[in-house]
Every structure is written in C-alpha cells, then in structure tokens.
C-alpha cells in the first residue's frame, strides 16, 4: 500500500504560494533551479520547472506563433492579466503530465482560490483546449 501512495504522490506535486510580482522571462531566460518567471499568458517557469496551464490556450505574443497583430495584443493582455492574478500569491499544482512541448501541465490557483485558467477564459484572454480553431485573428 505504501508503494501505491508513493506512486500517487509522485504524480502530483504542489509548489507553495509566491507572494510578489512574478517577473517576465524575456526571450531567453537562463534556466536555474530557482528560475520563476512568466513567458506568456499560459506558460512560465516555477522554481526551475517549465509549466503550461492545463487545458488552456492563450494568444501567442511573438511570431511565428502569433498569426496576426490582434493576437499579439491579446497575448500581451493575457500575460499582464496572469501577472496581476499571481501578484498576491498563488499555488501551482503539477498534474504529472507533459504537453507536446515537454512542459509540465499545471493548474494554478490564486491566493483566494480562483483558478487562473478559468479567470483568463472568463476575461476572453484564453480558450479551452482542445480548441476549435484559432479565434484570435477573427475579432
């Protein structure tokens, strides 16, 4: 039974709340065990672990990912909103799975227990995955 619990717990890791503004990563962050920063509206680094919000797709910021200027603008808004949501503290829960880019899939809650992905989607700054196509350039 102990082996079962150990296996289950190893699939789920929780990073405790961080209570300050999370910095932006920039284009080429130097990866260290302490690296914590936001890359865009749905991904970043938390203490050296590269994560992506589970089940969420935010607009891209830089070409070639961004298909149009509107997408870039919305991507910057999503990044700003994510940074503000996390500024008073948050908790990252790693789900034990990776996305196609090798990033840890994660759920993130604010200090007051709001789901960050849901908040971004409610604000029109992200869409659920799997998405039904690119919607950012048709606004």
N, C-alpha and C. Protein backbone atom coordinates (compact mmCIF):
# COMPACT_ATOMS: atom_id res chain seq x y z
N UNK A 1 0.83 -1.19 0.00
CA UNK A 1 0.00 0.00 0.00
C UNK A 1 0.88 1.26 0.00
N UNK A 2 1.97 1.21 0.74
CA UNK A 2 2.87 2.35 0.79
C UNK A 2 3.39 2.69 -0.60
N UNK A 3 3.69 1.67 -1.40
CA UNK A 3 4.17 1.88 -2.76
C UNK A 3 3.12 2.59 -3.62
N UNK A 4 1.85 2.23 -3.43
CA UNK A 4 0.77 2.86 -4.18
C UNK A 4 0.69 4.35 -3.83
N UNK A 5 0.74 4.68 -2.54
CA UNK A 5 0.68 6.08 -2.12
C UNK A 5 1.89 6.86 -2.62
N UNK A 6 3.05 6.26 -2.58
CA UNK A 6 4.25 6.93 -3.07
C UNK A 6 4.12 7.22 -4.56
N UNK A 7 3.61 6.26 -5.31
CA UNK A 7 3.43 6.46 -6.75
C UNK A 7 2.41 7.56 -7.03
N UNK A 8 1.31 7.56 -6.29
CA UNK A 8 0.29 8.60 -6.48
C UNK A 8 0.83 9.98 -6.14
N UNK A 9 1.53 10.09 -5.05
CA UNK A 9 2.06 11.39 -4.64
C UNK A 9 3.13 11.90 -5.58
N UNK A 10 3.87 11.00 -6.20
CA UNK A 10 4.91 11.44 -7.13
C UNK A 10 4.31 12.03 -8.41
N UNK A 11 3.07 11.69 -8.72
CA UNK A 11 2.41 12.24 -9.91
C UNK A 11 1.87 13.64 -9.67
N UNK A 12 1.70 14.00 -8.42
CA UNK A 12 1.10 15.28 -8.08
C UNK A 12 2.05 16.06 -7.19
N UNK A 13 2.57 17.15 -7.71
CA UNK A 13 3.48 17.98 -6.92
C UNK A 13 2.86 19.35 -6.77
N UNK A 14 3.00 19.92 -5.60
CA UNK A 14 2.43 21.23 -5.34
C UNK A 14 3.55 22.18 -4.97
N UNK A 15 3.60 23.31 -5.65
CA UNK A 15 4.56 24.36 -5.32
C UNK A 15 3.81 25.41 -4.52
N UNK A 16 4.31 25.78 -3.35
CA UNK A 16 3.59 26.72 -2.49
C UNK A 16 3.49 28.12 -3.08
N UNK A 17 2.60 28.89 -2.49
CA UNK A 17 2.32 30.24 -2.96
C UNK A 17 3.56 31.13 -2.94
N UNK A 18 3.57 32.03 -3.88
CA UNK A 18 4.63 33.01 -4.06
C UNK A 18 3.93 34.35 -3.95
N UNK A 19 4.32 35.24 -3.07
CA UNK A 19 3.57 36.47 -2.84
C UNK A 19 4.35 37.71 -3.24
N UNK A 20 4.57 37.87 -4.53
CA UNK A 20 5.16 39.08 -5.08
C UNK A 20 4.95 39.04 -6.58
N UNK A 21 5.20 40.16 -7.24
CA UNK A 21 5.01 40.16 -8.69
C UNK A 21 5.97 39.18 -9.35
N UNK A 22 5.42 38.32 -10.17
CA UNK A 22 6.24 37.34 -10.89
C UNK A 22 6.87 38.07 -12.08
N UNK A 23 8.19 38.02 -12.22
CA UNK A 23 8.84 38.71 -13.33
C UNK A 23 8.54 38.03 -14.67
N UNK A 24 8.77 38.78 -15.73
CA UNK A 24 8.65 38.22 -17.08
C UNK A 24 9.96 37.55 -17.45
N UNK A 25 9.88 36.48 -18.22
CA UNK A 25 11.07 35.69 -18.56
C UNK A 25 12.00 36.38 -19.55
N UNK A 26 11.46 37.14 -20.48
CA UNK A 26 12.30 37.63 -21.56
C UNK A 26 12.43 36.54 -22.61
N UNK A 27 13.22 36.80 -23.62
CA UNK A 27 13.27 35.87 -24.75
C UNK A 27 14.10 34.61 -24.49
N UNK A 28 15.15 34.70 -23.71
CA UNK A 28 15.99 33.53 -23.45
C UNK A 28 16.41 33.49 -21.97
N UNK A 29 15.52 33.03 -21.11
CA UNK A 29 15.88 33.00 -19.69
C UNK A 29 16.98 31.98 -19.41
N UNK A 30 17.84 32.30 -18.49
CA UNK A 30 18.87 31.36 -18.04
C UNK A 30 18.21 30.41 -17.04
N UNK A 31 18.09 29.16 -17.42
CA UNK A 31 17.37 28.19 -16.60
C UNK A 31 18.23 27.76 -15.42
N UNK A 32 17.70 28.00 -14.23
CA UNK A 32 18.33 27.56 -12.99
C UNK A 32 17.25 26.91 -12.14
N UNK A 33 17.66 26.30 -11.04
CA UNK A 33 16.71 25.65 -10.14
C UNK A 33 15.77 26.67 -9.49
N UNK A 34 16.16 27.92 -9.47
CA UNK A 34 15.34 28.95 -8.84
C UNK A 34 14.55 29.80 -9.83
N UNK A 35 14.69 29.55 -11.13
CA UNK A 35 14.04 30.39 -12.13
C UNK A 35 12.52 30.37 -11.95
N UNK A 36 11.94 31.54 -11.75
CA UNK A 36 10.50 31.71 -11.68
C UNK A 36 10.16 32.95 -12.50
N UNK A 37 9.40 32.76 -13.56
CA UNK A 37 9.02 33.88 -14.42
C UNK A 37 7.87 33.46 -15.33
N UNK A 38 7.24 34.44 -15.94
CA UNK A 38 6.15 34.19 -16.88
C UNK A 38 6.64 34.41 -18.29
N UNK A 39 6.35 33.44 -19.16
CA UNK A 39 6.76 33.52 -20.56
C UNK A 39 5.68 34.19 -21.41
N UNK A 40 4.43 33.74 -21.21
CA UNK A 40 3.30 34.34 -21.92
C UNK A 40 2.05 34.12 -21.07
N UNK A 41 0.88 34.24 -21.67
CA UNK A 41 -0.35 34.17 -20.89
C UNK A 41 -0.76 32.81 -20.41
N UNK A 42 -0.05 31.75 -20.82
CA UNK A 42 -0.41 30.41 -20.35
C UNK A 42 0.80 29.55 -20.00
N UNK A 43 1.99 30.14 -19.89
CA UNK A 43 3.16 29.33 -19.54
C UNK A 43 4.24 30.16 -18.86
N UNK A 44 5.11 29.43 -18.18
CA UNK A 44 6.21 30.09 -17.49
C UNK A 44 7.10 29.06 -16.81
N UNK A 45 7.86 29.55 -15.87
CA UNK A 45 8.77 28.72 -15.07
C UNK A 45 8.46 28.95 -13.60
N UNK A 46 8.47 27.88 -12.81
CA UNK A 46 8.29 27.97 -11.36
C UNK A 46 9.40 27.16 -10.72
N UNK A 47 10.33 27.86 -10.09
CA UNK A 47 11.47 27.22 -9.41
C UNK A 47 12.14 26.17 -10.30
N UNK A 48 12.42 26.57 -11.54
CA UNK A 48 13.16 25.72 -12.46
C UNK A 48 12.34 24.72 -13.25
N UNK A 49 11.04 24.67 -13.02
CA UNK A 49 10.16 23.76 -13.76
C UNK A 49 9.37 24.55 -14.80
N UNK A 50 9.48 24.13 -16.06
CA UNK A 50 8.77 24.78 -17.16
C UNK A 50 7.34 24.24 -17.17
N UNK A 51 6.35 25.12 -17.04
CA UNK A 51 4.96 24.68 -16.95
C UNK A 51 4.10 25.33 -18.04
N UNK A 52 2.96 24.69 -18.30
CA UNK A 52 1.92 25.22 -19.18
C UNK A 52 0.59 24.98 -18.48
N UNK A 53 -0.29 25.98 -18.48
CA UNK A 53 -1.60 25.79 -17.87
C UNK A 53 -2.34 24.64 -18.56
N UNK A 54 -2.83 23.72 -17.76
CA UNK A 54 -3.57 22.57 -18.30
C UNK A 54 -4.89 23.04 -18.90
N UNK A 55 -5.20 22.53 -20.07
CA UNK A 55 -6.50 22.74 -20.71
C UNK A 55 -6.77 24.18 -21.12
N UNK A 56 -5.72 25.01 -21.24
CA UNK A 56 -5.89 26.42 -21.57
C UNK A 56 -4.94 26.82 -22.69
N UNK A 57 -5.44 27.64 -23.61
CA UNK A 57 -4.62 28.19 -24.69
C UNK A 57 -4.82 29.70 -24.72
N UNK A 58 -3.76 30.45 -24.44
CA UNK A 58 -3.80 31.91 -24.52
C UNK A 58 -3.20 32.34 -25.86
N UNK A 59 -3.53 33.54 -26.32
CA UNK A 59 -2.95 34.02 -27.58
C UNK A 59 -1.43 34.11 -27.50
N UNK A 60 -0.79 33.89 -28.62
CA UNK A 60 0.67 33.98 -28.69
C UNK A 60 1.10 35.45 -28.80
N UNK A 61 2.33 35.71 -28.37
CA UNK A 61 2.83 37.07 -28.36
C UNK A 61 3.78 37.34 -29.52
N UNK A 62 4.66 36.41 -29.78
CA UNK A 62 5.70 36.62 -30.78
C UNK A 62 5.48 35.77 -32.02
N UNK A 63 5.88 36.30 -33.20
CA UNK A 63 5.91 35.46 -34.39
C UNK A 63 6.97 34.39 -34.18
N UNK A 64 6.89 33.22 -34.73
CA UNK A 64 5.87 32.81 -35.69
C UNK A 64 4.59 32.30 -35.05
N UNK A 65 4.53 32.23 -33.72
CA UNK A 65 3.33 31.71 -33.07
C UNK A 65 2.10 32.57 -33.28
N UNK A 66 2.28 33.89 -33.20
CA UNK A 66 1.15 34.81 -33.39
C UNK A 66 0.87 34.97 -34.88
N UNK A 67 -0.39 34.75 -35.25
CA UNK A 67 -0.77 34.82 -36.66
C UNK A 67 -1.14 36.23 -37.13
N UNK A 68 -1.40 37.14 -36.19
CA UNK A 68 -1.80 38.49 -36.58
C UNK A 68 -1.50 39.46 -35.43
N UNK A 69 -1.57 40.72 -35.71
CA UNK A 69 -1.29 41.76 -34.71
C UNK A 69 -2.30 41.70 -33.56
N UNK A 70 -3.57 41.42 -33.87
CA UNK A 70 -4.60 41.32 -32.84
C UNK A 70 -4.26 40.22 -31.84
N UNK A 71 -3.73 39.11 -32.34
CA UNK A 71 -3.34 38.02 -31.44
C UNK A 71 -2.21 38.47 -30.53
N UNK A 72 -1.24 39.18 -31.05
CA UNK A 72 -0.14 39.67 -30.23
C UNK A 72 -0.65 40.60 -29.13
N UNK A 73 -1.56 41.49 -29.47
CA UNK A 73 -2.10 42.43 -28.49
C UNK A 73 -2.85 41.67 -27.40
N UNK A 74 -3.71 40.72 -27.78
CA UNK A 74 -4.43 39.91 -26.79
C UNK A 74 -3.47 39.07 -25.97
N UNK A 75 -2.40 38.58 -26.60
CA UNK A 75 -1.40 37.81 -25.87
C UNK A 75 -0.73 38.64 -24.78
N UNK A 76 -0.42 39.88 -25.09
CA UNK A 76 0.17 40.78 -24.09
C UNK A 76 -0.82 41.07 -22.97
N UNK A 77 -2.09 41.22 -23.31
CA UNK A 77 -3.12 41.42 -22.28
C UNK A 77 -3.25 40.19 -21.38
N UNK A 78 -3.20 39.01 -21.99
CA UNK A 78 -3.27 37.77 -21.21
C UNK A 78 -2.08 37.66 -20.26
N UNK A 79 -0.90 37.98 -20.74
CA UNK A 79 0.30 37.95 -19.90
C UNK A 79 0.18 38.94 -18.75
N UNK A 80 -0.29 40.15 -19.02
CA UNK A 80 -0.47 41.15 -17.98
C UNK A 80 -1.49 40.68 -16.95
N UNK A 81 -2.60 40.11 -17.41
CA UNK A 81 -3.64 39.62 -16.50
C UNK A 81 -3.11 38.47 -15.65
N UNK A 82 -2.36 37.56 -16.24
CA UNK A 82 -1.78 36.46 -15.48
C UNK A 82 -0.84 37.00 -14.41
N UNK A 83 0.00 37.95 -14.77
CA UNK A 83 0.93 38.53 -13.80
C UNK A 83 0.18 39.18 -12.64
N UNK A 84 -0.90 39.90 -12.94
CA UNK A 84 -1.70 40.53 -11.88
C UNK A 84 -2.41 39.50 -11.01
N UNK A 85 -2.94 38.44 -11.63
CA UNK A 85 -3.61 37.39 -10.85
C UNK A 85 -2.67 36.74 -9.85
N UNK A 86 -1.41 36.57 -10.24
CA UNK A 86 -0.46 35.86 -9.38
C UNK A 86 0.25 36.77 -8.38
N UNK A 87 0.06 38.08 -8.48
CA UNK A 87 0.87 39.02 -7.70
C UNK A 87 0.64 38.96 -6.20
N UNK A 88 -0.49 38.46 -5.74
CA UNK A 88 -0.75 38.40 -4.30
C UNK A 88 -0.53 37.01 -3.72
N UNK A 89 -0.03 36.12 -4.55
CA UNK A 89 0.24 34.76 -4.09
C UNK A 89 -0.53 33.75 -4.91
N UNK A 90 0.05 32.57 -5.04
CA UNK A 90 -0.56 31.52 -5.85
C UNK A 90 0.04 30.18 -5.48
N UNK A 91 -0.63 29.13 -5.93
CA UNK A 91 -0.15 27.77 -5.74
C UNK A 91 -0.20 27.05 -7.08
N UNK A 92 0.90 26.41 -7.43
CA UNK A 92 0.99 25.63 -8.66
C UNK A 92 0.84 24.16 -8.30
N UNK A 93 -0.05 23.46 -8.98
CA UNK A 93 -0.21 22.02 -8.81
C UNK A 93 0.15 21.35 -10.13
N UNK A 94 1.22 20.58 -10.12
CA UNK A 94 1.64 19.86 -11.33
C UNK A 94 0.83 18.58 -11.43
N UNK A 95 0.32 18.30 -12.62
CA UNK A 95 -0.59 17.18 -12.82
C UNK A 95 0.09 15.87 -13.17
N UNK A 96 1.41 15.87 -13.30
CA UNK A 96 2.13 14.64 -13.61
C UNK A 96 2.10 14.27 -15.08
N UNK A 97 1.71 15.22 -15.93
CA UNK A 97 1.68 15.00 -17.38
C UNK A 97 2.41 16.16 -18.05
N UNK A 98 2.86 15.92 -19.27
CA UNK A 98 3.55 16.96 -20.04
C UNK A 98 2.78 17.24 -21.32
N UNK A 99 2.93 18.48 -21.83
CA UNK A 99 2.32 18.81 -23.12
C UNK A 99 3.25 18.38 -24.25
N UNK A 100 2.87 18.66 -25.48
CA UNK A 100 3.67 18.22 -26.63
C UNK A 100 5.02 18.92 -26.71
N UNK A 101 5.19 20.02 -25.98
CA UNK A 101 6.48 20.72 -25.94
C UNK A 101 7.33 20.30 -24.75
N UNK A 102 6.86 19.33 -23.97
CA UNK A 102 7.62 18.83 -22.83
C UNK A 102 7.42 19.61 -21.54
N UNK A 103 6.52 20.59 -21.53
CA UNK A 103 6.28 21.38 -20.32
C UNK A 103 5.35 20.62 -19.38
N UNK A 104 5.57 20.78 -18.08
CA UNK A 104 4.69 20.19 -17.09
C UNK A 104 3.32 20.85 -17.18
N UNK A 105 2.26 20.06 -17.26
CA UNK A 105 0.92 20.62 -17.22
C UNK A 105 0.58 20.95 -15.77
N UNK A 106 -0.01 22.12 -15.57
CA UNK A 106 -0.24 22.60 -14.21
C UNK A 106 -1.58 23.30 -14.09
N UNK A 107 -2.14 23.24 -12.90
CA UNK A 107 -3.27 24.07 -12.50
C UNK A 107 -2.70 25.09 -11.53
N UNK A 108 -3.13 26.33 -11.65
CA UNK A 108 -2.64 27.37 -10.75
C UNK A 108 -3.84 28.06 -10.12
N UNK A 109 -3.78 28.20 -8.80
CA UNK A 109 -4.82 28.91 -8.06
C UNK A 109 -4.23 30.15 -7.44
N UNK A 110 -5.03 31.22 -7.42
CA UNK A 110 -4.62 32.43 -6.74
C UNK A 110 -4.71 32.21 -5.24
N UNK A 111 -4.21 33.17 -4.50
CA UNK A 111 -4.26 33.11 -3.04
C UNK A 111 -5.69 32.93 -2.53
N UNK A 112 -6.66 33.52 -3.23
CA UNK A 112 -8.06 33.40 -2.81
C UNK A 112 -8.79 32.27 -3.55
N UNK A 113 -8.02 31.28 -4.03
CA UNK A 113 -8.53 30.02 -4.57
C UNK A 113 -9.28 30.15 -5.90
N UNK A 114 -8.95 31.14 -6.70
CA UNK A 114 -9.53 31.24 -8.04
C UNK A 114 -8.62 30.51 -9.02
N UNK A 115 -9.23 29.75 -9.92
CA UNK A 115 -8.47 29.03 -10.94
C UNK A 115 -8.03 30.03 -12.01
N UNK A 116 -6.72 30.12 -12.23
CA UNK A 116 -6.16 31.10 -13.15
C UNK A 116 -6.63 30.87 -14.58
N UNK A 117 -6.68 29.62 -15.02
CA UNK A 117 -7.14 29.33 -16.37
C UNK A 117 -8.58 29.78 -16.58
N UNK A 118 -9.44 29.51 -15.61
CA UNK A 118 -10.84 29.93 -15.70
C UNK A 118 -10.96 31.45 -15.73
N UNK A 119 -10.14 32.11 -14.93
CA UNK A 119 -10.16 33.58 -14.91
C UNK A 119 -9.77 34.15 -16.28
N UNK A 120 -8.73 33.58 -16.89
CA UNK A 120 -8.29 34.05 -18.21
C UNK A 120 -9.37 33.80 -19.26
N UNK A 121 -10.01 32.63 -19.20
CA UNK A 121 -11.07 32.33 -20.17
C UNK A 121 -12.27 33.25 -19.97
N UNK A 122 -12.65 33.51 -18.72
CA UNK A 122 -13.78 34.41 -18.44
C UNK A 122 -13.53 35.81 -18.96
N UNK A 123 -12.27 36.23 -18.95
CA UNK A 123 -11.91 37.57 -19.43
C UNK A 123 -11.74 37.61 -20.95
N UNK A 124 -11.91 36.48 -21.62
CA UNK A 124 -11.74 36.42 -23.08
C UNK A 124 -10.29 36.43 -23.51
N UNK A 125 -9.39 36.07 -22.58
CA UNK A 125 -7.96 36.11 -22.85
C UNK A 125 -7.35 34.72 -23.02
N UNK A 126 -8.19 33.71 -23.07
CA UNK A 126 -7.73 32.33 -23.29
C UNK A 126 -8.94 31.52 -23.75
N UNK A 127 -8.65 30.37 -24.33
CA UNK A 127 -9.71 29.45 -24.72
C UNK A 127 -9.36 28.06 -24.21
N UNK A 128 -10.39 27.24 -24.09
CA UNK A 128 -10.18 25.88 -23.59
C UNK A 128 -9.48 25.03 -24.64
N UNK A 129 -8.65 24.11 -24.17
CA UNK A 129 -8.03 23.10 -25.02
C UNK A 129 -8.79 21.79 -24.85
N UNK A 130 -8.96 20.98 -25.86
CA UNK A 130 -8.53 21.30 -27.22
C UNK A 130 -9.43 22.38 -27.80
N UNK A 131 -8.82 23.33 -28.49
CA UNK A 131 -9.60 24.43 -29.05
C UNK A 131 -10.19 24.04 -30.40
N UNK A 132 -11.14 24.82 -30.82
CA UNK A 132 -11.83 24.52 -32.07
C UNK A 132 -11.31 25.40 -33.21
N UNK A 133 -10.09 25.82 -33.10
CA UNK A 133 -9.50 26.65 -34.14
C UNK A 133 -9.02 27.97 -33.58
N UNK A 134 -8.26 28.66 -34.36
CA UNK A 134 -7.68 29.94 -33.97
C UNK A 134 -8.75 31.03 -34.01
N UNK A 135 -9.05 31.59 -32.86
CA UNK A 135 -10.10 32.62 -32.84
C UNK A 135 -9.55 34.03 -32.67
N UNK A 136 -8.29 34.17 -32.40
CA UNK A 136 -7.74 35.48 -32.05
C UNK A 136 -7.71 36.45 -33.23
N UNK A 137 -7.53 35.98 -34.42
CA UNK A 137 -7.37 36.87 -35.57
C UNK A 137 -8.69 37.20 -36.26
N UNK A 138 -9.78 36.68 -35.76
CA UNK A 138 -11.08 36.94 -36.39
C UNK A 138 -11.91 37.94 -35.61
N UNK A 139 -11.35 38.61 -34.64
CA UNK A 139 -12.13 39.54 -33.82
C UNK A 139 -12.38 40.82 -34.55
